[in-house]
Amino acid sequence: MPTERSRFVSVAKVIEITSTSPGSFEDAIRKGLSKAQKTIDGIKGAWISEQKVELADDGTISHFRVDMKLTFLLDD
């Protein structure tokens, strides 16, 4: 017989996305999450797995890049 606790099992999925911004890592994170939320419902969290900068020819930072793992619950 199922217990009260077993009736509330949820299953989550994790996907990985990459986002870039010329401004900052924080901006890249915000833009990536905003874009993902347009097509994925119920995002519950994000783990920043990698950060990288891209350099211009003169050695200055041209872009900030983040790789994120997003967690969201699957529908019943």
PDB file of N, CA and C in Angstrom:
ATOM      1  N   MET A   1       0.848  -1.182   0.000  1.00  0.00           N
ATOM      2  CA  MET A   1       0.000   0.000   0.000  1.00  0.00           C
ATOM      3  C   MET A   1       0.895   1.247   0.000  1.00  0.00           C
ATOM      4  N   PRO A   2       0.620   2.208  -0.876  1.00  0.00           N
ATOM      5  CA  PRO A   2       1.451   3.414  -0.920  1.00  0.00           C
ATOM      6  C   PRO A   2       1.306   4.230   0.355  1.00  0.00           C
ATOM      7  N   THR A   3       2.421   4.766   0.780  1.00  0.00           N
ATOM      8  CA  THR A   3       2.395   5.636   1.948  1.00  0.00           C
ATOM      9  C   THR A   3       2.058   7.050   1.511  1.00  0.00           C
ATOM     10  N   GLU A   4       1.711   7.887   2.466  1.00  0.00           N
ATOM     11  CA  GLU A   4       1.405   9.295   2.165  1.00  0.00           C
ATOM     12  C   GLU A   4       2.589   9.961   1.490  1.00  0.00           C
ATOM     13  N   ARG A   5       3.782   9.653   1.927  1.00  0.00           N
ATOM     14  CA  ARG A   5       4.991  10.278   1.370  1.00  0.00           C
ATOM     15  C   ARG A   5       5.224   9.852  -0.084  1.00  0.00           C
ATOM     16  N   SER A   6       4.964   8.596  -0.436  1.00  0.00           N
ATOM     17  CA  SER A   6       5.245   8.112  -1.788  1.00  0.00           C
ATOM     18  C   SER A   6       4.303   8.692  -2.837  1.00  0.00           C
ATOM     19  N   ARG A   7       3.209   9.277  -2.447  1.00  0.00           N
ATOM     20  CA  ARG A   7       2.269   9.866  -3.393  1.00  0.00           C
ATOM     21  C   ARG A   7       2.778  11.198  -3.960  1.00  0.00           C
ATOM     22  N   PHE A   8       3.801  11.772  -3.351  1.00  0.00           N
ATOM     23  CA  PHE A   8       4.295  13.077  -3.755  1.00  0.00           C
ATOM     24  C   PHE A   8       5.703  13.008  -4.320  1.00  0.00           C
ATOM     25  N   VAL A   9       5.943  12.029  -5.145  1.00  0.00           N
ATOM     26  CA  VAL A   9       7.244  11.871  -5.788  1.00  0.00           C
ATOM     27  C   VAL A   9       7.308  12.804  -6.985  1.00  0.00           C
ATOM     28  N   SER A  10       8.414  13.522  -7.111  1.00  0.00           N
ATOM     29  CA  SER A  10       8.593  14.377  -8.275  1.00  0.00           C
ATOM     30  C   SER A  10       9.862  13.942  -8.999  1.00  0.00           C
ATOM     31  N   VAL A  11       9.863  14.184 -10.294  1.00  0.00           N
ATOM     32  CA  VAL A  11      11.015  13.834 -11.120  1.00  0.00           C
ATOM     33  C   VAL A  11      11.510  15.111 -11.782  1.00  0.00           C
ATOM     34  N   ALA A  12      12.814  15.332 -11.683  1.00  0.00           N
ATOM     35  CA  ALA A  12      13.413  16.529 -12.269  1.00  0.00           C
ATOM     36  C   ALA A  12      14.309  16.145 -13.437  1.00  0.00           C
ATOM     37  N   LYS A  13      14.484  17.083 -14.331  1.00  0.00           N
ATOM     38  CA  LYS A  13      15.383  16.905 -15.464  1.00  0.00           C
ATOM     39  C   LYS A  13      16.439  18.001 -15.396  1.00  0.00           C
ATOM     40  N   VAL A  14      17.642  17.683 -15.857  1.00  0.00           N
ATOM     41  CA  VAL A  14      18.736  18.641 -15.886  1.00  0.00           C
ATOM     42  C   VAL A  14      19.196  18.795 -17.338  1.00  0.00           C
ATOM     43  N   ILE A  15      19.283  20.038 -17.796  1.00  0.00           N
ATOM     44  CA  ILE A  15      19.816  20.317 -19.126  1.00  0.00           C
ATOM     45  C   ILE A  15      20.971  21.298 -18.979  1.00  0.00           C
ATOM     46  N   GLU A  16      21.812  21.355 -19.981  1.00  0.00           N
ATOM     47  CA  GLU A  16      22.940  22.278 -19.940  1.00  0.00           C
ATOM     48  C   GLU A  16      22.799  23.309 -21.053  1.00  0.00           C
ATOM     49  N   ILE A  17      23.020  24.580 -20.688  1.00  0.00           N
ATOM     50  CA  ILE A  17      22.988  25.660 -21.669  1.00  0.00           C
ATOM     51  C   ILE A  17      24.249  26.503 -21.525  1.00  0.00           C
ATOM     52  N   THR A  18      24.561  27.255 -22.549  1.00  0.00           N
ATOM     53  CA  THR A  18      25.682  28.195 -22.547  1.00  0.00           C
ATOM     54  C   THR A  18      25.140  29.567 -22.902  1.00  0.00           C
ATOM     55  N   SER A  19      25.603  30.581 -22.182  1.00  0.00           N
ATOM     56  CA  SER A  19      25.156  31.944 -22.427  1.00  0.00           C
ATOM     57  C   SER A  19      26.355  32.887 -22.386  1.00  0.00           C
ATOM     58  N   THR A  20      26.313  33.921 -23.223  1.00  0.00           N
ATOM     59  CA  THR A  20      27.404  34.894 -23.254  1.00  0.00           C
ATOM     60  C   THR A  20      26.871  36.306 -23.097  1.00  0.00           C
ATOM     61  N   SER A  21      27.748  37.185 -22.629  1.00  0.00           N
ATOM     62  CA  SER A  21      27.422  38.601 -22.493  1.00  0.00           C
ATOM     63  C   SER A  21      28.699  39.409 -22.624  1.00  0.00           C
ATOM     64  N   PRO A  22      28.621  40.568 -23.242  1.00  0.00           N
ATOM     65  CA  PRO A  22      29.801  41.433 -23.292  1.00  0.00           C
ATOM     66  C   PRO A  22      30.035  42.160 -21.968  1.00  0.00           C
ATOM     67  N   GLY A  23      29.038  42.123 -21.054  1.00  0.00           N
ATOM     68  CA  GLY A  23      29.118  42.911 -19.828  1.00  0.00           C
ATOM     69  C   GLY A  23      29.732  42.238 -18.618  1.00  0.00           C
ATOM     70  N   SER A  24      29.218  41.039 -18.272  1.00  0.00           N
ATOM     71  CA  SER A  24      29.672  40.386 -17.035  1.00  0.00           C
ATOM     72  C   SER A  24      29.170  38.943 -16.985  1.00  0.00           C
ATOM     73  N   PHE A  25      29.741  38.166 -16.049  1.00  0.00           N
ATOM     74  CA  PHE A  25      29.247  36.816 -15.825  1.00  0.00           C
ATOM     75  C   PHE A  25      27.799  36.865 -15.333  1.00  0.00           C
ATOM     76  N   GLU A  26      27.509  37.787 -14.418  1.00  0.00           N
ATOM     77  CA  GLU A  26      26.153  37.892 -13.883  1.00  0.00           C
ATOM     78  C   GLU A  26      25.148  38.177 -14.993  1.00  0.00           C
ATOM     79  N   ASP A  27      25.498  39.054 -15.906  1.00  0.00           N
ATOM     80  CA  ASP A  27      24.608  39.362 -17.026  1.00  0.00           C
ATOM     81  C   ASP A  27      24.412  38.141 -17.915  1.00  0.00           C
ATOM     82  N   ALA A  28      25.460  37.375 -18.154  1.00  0.00           N
ATOM     83  CA  ALA A  28      25.342  36.153 -18.950  1.00  0.00           C
ATOM     84  C   ALA A  28      24.402  35.155 -18.272  1.00  0.00           C
ATOM     85  N   ILE A  29      24.501  35.050 -16.949  1.00  0.00           N
ATOM     86  CA  ILE A  29      23.616  34.147 -16.204  1.00  0.00           C
ATOM     87  C   ILE A  29      22.173  34.613 -16.329  1.00  0.00           C
ATOM     88  N   ARG A  30      21.942  35.888 -16.085  1.00  0.00           N
ATOM     89  CA  ARG A  30      20.575  36.426 -16.154  1.00  0.00           C
ATOM     90  C   ARG A  30      19.971  36.269 -17.554  1.00  0.00           C
ATOM     91  N   LYS A  31      20.742  36.551 -18.581  1.00  0.00           N
ATOM     92  CA  LYS A  31      20.236  36.429 -19.956  1.00  0.00           C
ATOM     93  C   LYS A  31      19.946  34.974 -20.302  1.00  0.00           C
ATOM     94  N   GLY A  32      20.821  34.070 -19.891  1.00  0.00           N
ATOM     95  CA  GLY A  32      20.601  32.651 -20.155  1.00  0.00           C
ATOM     96  C   GLY A  32      19.353  32.127 -19.469  1.00  0.00           C
ATOM     97  N   LEU A  33      19.168  32.495 -18.195  1.00  0.00           N
ATOM     98  CA  LEU A  33      17.977  32.058 -17.464  1.00  0.00           C
ATOM     99  C   LEU A  33      16.713  32.652 -18.074  1.00  0.00           C
ATOM    100  N   SER A  34      16.759  33.917 -18.416  1.00  0.00           N
ATOM    101  CA  SER A  34      15.593  34.573 -19.007  1.00  0.00           C
ATOM    102  C   SER A  34      15.175  33.906 -20.314  1.00  0.00           C
ATOM    103  N   LYS A  35      16.142  33.610 -21.155  1.00  0.00           N
ATOM    104  CA  LYS A  35      15.845  32.956 -22.441  1.00  0.00           C
ATOM    105  C   LYS A  35      15.290  31.548 -22.216  1.00  0.00           C
ATOM    106  N   ALA A  36      15.897  30.794 -21.303  1.00  0.00           N
ATOM    107  CA  ALA A  36      15.444  29.422 -21.030  1.00  0.00           C
ATOM    108  C   ALA A  36      14.025  29.415 -20.471  1.00  0.00           C
ATOM    109  N   GLN A  37      13.696  30.391 -19.623  1.00  0.00           N
ATOM    110  CA  GLN A  37      12.364  30.430 -19.012  1.00  0.00           C
ATOM    111  C   GLN A  37      11.265  30.715 -20.027  1.00  0.00           C
ATOM    112  N   LYS A  38      11.613  31.191 -21.206  1.00  0.00           N
ATOM    113  CA  LYS A  38      10.612  31.431 -22.242  1.00  0.00           C
ATOM    114  C   LYS A  38      10.078  30.126 -22.831  1.00  0.00           C
ATOM    115  N   THR A  39      10.883  29.053 -22.768  1.00  0.00           N
ATOM    116  CA  THR A  39      10.457  27.787 -23.360  1.00  0.00           C
ATOM    117  C   THR A  39      10.400  26.625 -22.365  1.00  0.00           C
ATOM    118  N   ILE A  40      10.950  26.809 -21.181  1.00  0.00           N
ATOM    119  CA  ILE A  40      10.960  25.736 -20.178  1.00  0.00           C
ATOM    120  C   ILE A  40      10.223  26.228 -18.940  1.00  0.00           C
ATOM    121  N   ASP A  41       9.165  25.520 -18.570  1.00  0.00           N
ATOM    122  CA  ASP A  41       8.412  25.879 -17.371  1.00  0.00           C
ATOM    123  C   ASP A  41       9.025  25.224 -16.138  1.00  0.00           C
ATOM    124  N   GLY A  42       8.922  25.901 -15.025  1.00  0.00           N
ATOM    125  CA  GLY A  42       9.261  25.300 -13.742  1.00  0.00           C
ATOM    126  C   GLY A  42      10.733  25.137 -13.451  1.00  0.00           C
ATOM    127  N   ILE A  43      11.586  26.009 -13.974  1.00  0.00           N
ATOM    128  CA  ILE A  43      13.008  25.916 -13.638  1.00  0.00           C
ATOM    129  C   ILE A  43      13.156  26.181 -12.144  1.00  0.00           C
ATOM    130  N   LYS A  44      13.802  25.271 -11.451  1.00  0.00           N
ATOM    131  CA  LYS A  44      13.929  25.356  -9.993  1.00  0.00           C
ATOM    132  C   LYS A  44      15.316  25.784  -9.535  1.00  0.00           C
ATOM    133  N   GLY A  45      16.293  25.684 -10.406  1.00  0.00           N
ATOM    134  CA  GLY A  45      17.640  26.065  -9.989  1.00  0.00           C
ATOM    135  C   GLY A  45      18.617  25.990 -11.140  1.00  0.00           C
ATOM    136  N   ALA A  46      19.777  26.590 -10.904  1.00  0.00           N
ATOM    137  CA  ALA A  46      20.835  26.584 -11.908  1.00  0.00           C
ATOM    138  C   ALA A  46      22.171  26.389 -11.198  1.00  0.00           C
ATOM    139  N   TRP A  47      23.013  25.583 -11.786  1.00  0.00           N
ATOM    140  CA  TRP A  47      24.356  25.357 -11.288  1.00  0.00           C
ATOM    141  C   TRP A  47      25.318  25.856 -12.361  1.00  0.00           C
ATOM    142  N   ILE A  48      26.172  26.785 -11.994  1.00  0.00           N
ATOM    143  CA  ILE A  48      27.147  27.328 -12.934  1.00  0.00           C
ATOM    144  C   ILE A  48      28.337  26.376 -12.933  1.00  0.00           C
ATOM    145  N   SER A  49      28.466  25.623 -14.014  1.00  0.00           N
ATOM    146  CA  SER A  49      29.505  24.588 -14.050  1.00  0.00           C
ATOM    147  C   SER A  49      30.833  25.104 -14.590  1.00  0.00           C
ATOM    148  N   GLU A  50      30.781  26.200 -15.368  1.00  0.00           N
ATOM    149  CA  GLU A  50      32.028  26.729 -15.930  1.00  0.00           C
ATOM    150  C   GLU A  50      31.857  28.197 -16.289  1.00  0.00           C
ATOM    151  N   GLN A  51      32.930  28.947 -16.130  1.00  0.00           N
ATOM    152  CA  GLN A  51      32.972  30.338 -16.553  1.00  0.00           C
ATOM    153  C   GLN A  51      34.201  30.524 -17.430  1.00  0.00           C
ATOM    154  N   LYS A  52      34.048  31.324 -18.477  1.00  0.00           N
ATOM    155  CA  LYS A  52      35.150  31.532 -19.404  1.00  0.00           C
ATOM    156  C   LYS A  52      35.043  32.945 -19.964  1.00  0.00           C
ATOM    157  N   VAL A  53      36.189  33.560 -20.252  1.00  0.00           N
ATOM    158  CA  VAL A  53      36.185  34.854 -20.937  1.00  0.00           C
ATOM    159  C   VAL A  53      36.777  34.672 -22.317  1.00  0.00           C
ATOM    160  N   GLU A  54      36.256  35.442 -23.258  1.00  0.00           N
ATOM    161  CA  GLU A  54      36.798  35.474 -24.616  1.00  0.00           C
ATOM    162  C   GLU A  54      37.510  36.801 -24.771  1.00  0.00           C
ATOM    163  N   LEU A  55      38.696  36.768 -25.349  1.00  0.00           N
ATOM    164  CA  LEU A  55      39.510  37.965 -25.475  1.00  0.00           C
ATOM    165  C   LEU A  55      39.477  38.525 -26.891  1.00  0.00           C
ATOM    166  N   ALA A  56      39.514  39.853 -26.968  1.00  0.00           N
ATOM    167  CA  ALA A  56      39.626  40.543 -28.252  1.00  0.00           C
ATOM    168  C   ALA A  56      41.098  40.502 -28.684  1.00  0.00           C
ATOM    169  N   ASP A  57      41.360  40.932 -29.890  1.00  0.00           N
ATOM    170  CA  ASP A  57      42.732  40.936 -30.415  1.00  0.00           C
ATOM    171  C   ASP A  57      43.686  41.760 -29.559  1.00  0.00           C
ATOM    172  N   ASP A  58      43.163  42.803 -28.909  1.00  0.00           N
ATOM    173  CA  ASP A  58      44.030  43.651 -28.084  1.00  0.00           C
ATOM    174  C   ASP A  58      44.204  43.133 -26.656  1.00  0.00           C
ATOM    175  N   GLY A  59      43.635  41.961 -26.358  1.00  0.00           N
ATOM    176  CA  GLY A  59      43.813  41.341 -25.051  1.00  0.00           C
ATOM    177  C   GLY A  59      42.753  41.701 -24.024  1.00  0.00           C
ATOM    178  N   THR A  60      41.834  42.585 -24.362  1.00  0.00           N
ATOM    179  CA  THR A  60      40.764  42.919 -23.432  1.00  0.00           C
ATOM    180  C   THR A  60      39.652  41.875 -23.513  1.00  0.00           C
ATOM    181  N   ILE A  61      38.865  41.809 -22.460  1.00  0.00           N
ATOM    182  CA  ILE A  61      37.753  40.849 -22.426  1.00  0.00           C
ATOM    183  C   ILE A  61      36.651  41.326 -23.365  1.00  0.00           C
ATOM    184  N   SER A  62      36.276  40.478 -24.300  1.00  0.00           N
ATOM    185  CA  SER A  62      35.206  40.836 -25.231  1.00  0.00           C
ATOM    186  C   SER A  62      33.875  40.204 -24.837  1.00  0.00           C
ATOM    187  N   HIS A  63      33.896  39.020 -24.230  1.00  0.00           N
ATOM    188  CA  HIS A  63      32.676  38.338 -23.807  1.00  0.00           C
ATOM    189  C   HIS A  63      32.929  37.486 -22.573  1.00  0.00           C
ATOM    190  N   PHE A  64      31.896  37.402 -21.752  1.00  0.00           N
ATOM    191  CA  PHE A  64      31.885  36.510 -20.595  1.00  0.00           C
ATOM    192  C   PHE A  64      30.947  35.359 -20.938  1.00  0.00           C
ATOM    193  N   ARG A  65      31.405  34.129 -20.713  1.00  0.00           N
ATOM    194  CA  ARG A  65      30.586  32.966 -21.051  1.00  0.00           C
ATOM    195  C   ARG A  65      30.394  32.094 -19.824  1.00  0.00           C
ATOM    196  N   VAL A  66      29.184  31.590 -19.648  1.00  0.00           N
ATOM    197  CA  VAL A  66      28.890  30.653 -18.563  1.00  0.00           C
ATOM    198  C   VAL A  66      28.229  29.415 -19.136  1.00  0.00           C
ATOM    199  N   ASP A  67      28.588  28.273 -18.583  1.00  0.00           N
ATOM    200  CA  ASP A  67      27.893  27.020 -18.856  1.00  0.00           C
ATOM    201  C   ASP A  67      27.068  26.727 -17.606  1.00  0.00           C
ATOM    202  N   MET A  68      25.774  26.510 -17.793  1.00  0.00           N
ATOM    203  CA  MET A  68      24.861  26.291 -16.678  1.00  0.00           C
ATOM    204  C   MET A  68      24.112  24.984 -16.836  1.00  0.00           C
ATOM    205  N   LYS A  69      23.861  24.348 -15.721  1.00  0.00           N
ATOM    206  CA  LYS A  69      22.971  23.201 -15.684  1.00  0.00           C
ATOM    207  C   LYS A  69      21.691  23.657 -15.009  1.00  0.00           C
ATOM    208  N   LEU A  70      20.580  23.550 -15.730  1.00  0.00           N
ATOM    209  CA  LEU A  70      19.286  23.973 -15.224  1.00  0.00           C
ATOM    210  C   LEU A  70      18.466  22.766 -14.798  1.00  0.00           C
ATOM    211  N   THR A  71      17.817  22.887 -13.649  1.00  0.00           N
ATOM    212  CA  THR A  71      16.975  21.816 -13.119  1.00  0.00           C
ATOM    213  C   THR A  71      15.524  22.263 -13.170  1.00  0.00           C
ATOM    214  N   PHE A  72      14.668  21.412 -13.707  1.00  0.00           N
ATOM    215  CA  PHE A  72      13.242  21.705 -13.728  1.00  0.00           C
ATOM    216  C   PHE A  72      12.455  20.427 -13.519  1.00  0.00           C
ATOM    217  N   LEU A  73      11.261  20.577 -12.958  1.00  0.00           N
ATOM    218  CA  LEU A  73      10.406  19.421 -12.676  1.00  0.00           C
ATOM    219  C   LEU A  73       9.643  19.007 -13.923  1.00  0.00           C
ATOM    220  N   LEU A  74       9.534  17.719 -14.125  1.00  0.00           N
ATOM    221  CA  LEU A  74       8.749  17.187 -15.234  1.00  0.00           C
ATOM    222  C   LEU A  74       7.283  17.158 -14.852  1.00  0.00           C
ATOM    223  N   ASP A  75       6.414  17.438 -15.824  1.00  0.00           N
ATOM    224  CA  ASP A  75       4.976  17.405 -15.581  1.00  0.00           C
ATOM    225  C   ASP A  75       4.527  15.974 -15.334  1.00  0.00           C
ATOM    226  N   ASP A  76       3.439  15.856 -14.604  1.00  0.00           N
ATOM    227  CA  ASP A  76       2.848  14.530 -14.355  1.00  0.00           C
ATOM    228  C   ASP A  76       2.245  13.968 -15.610  1.00  0.00           C
TER     229      ASP A  76
END
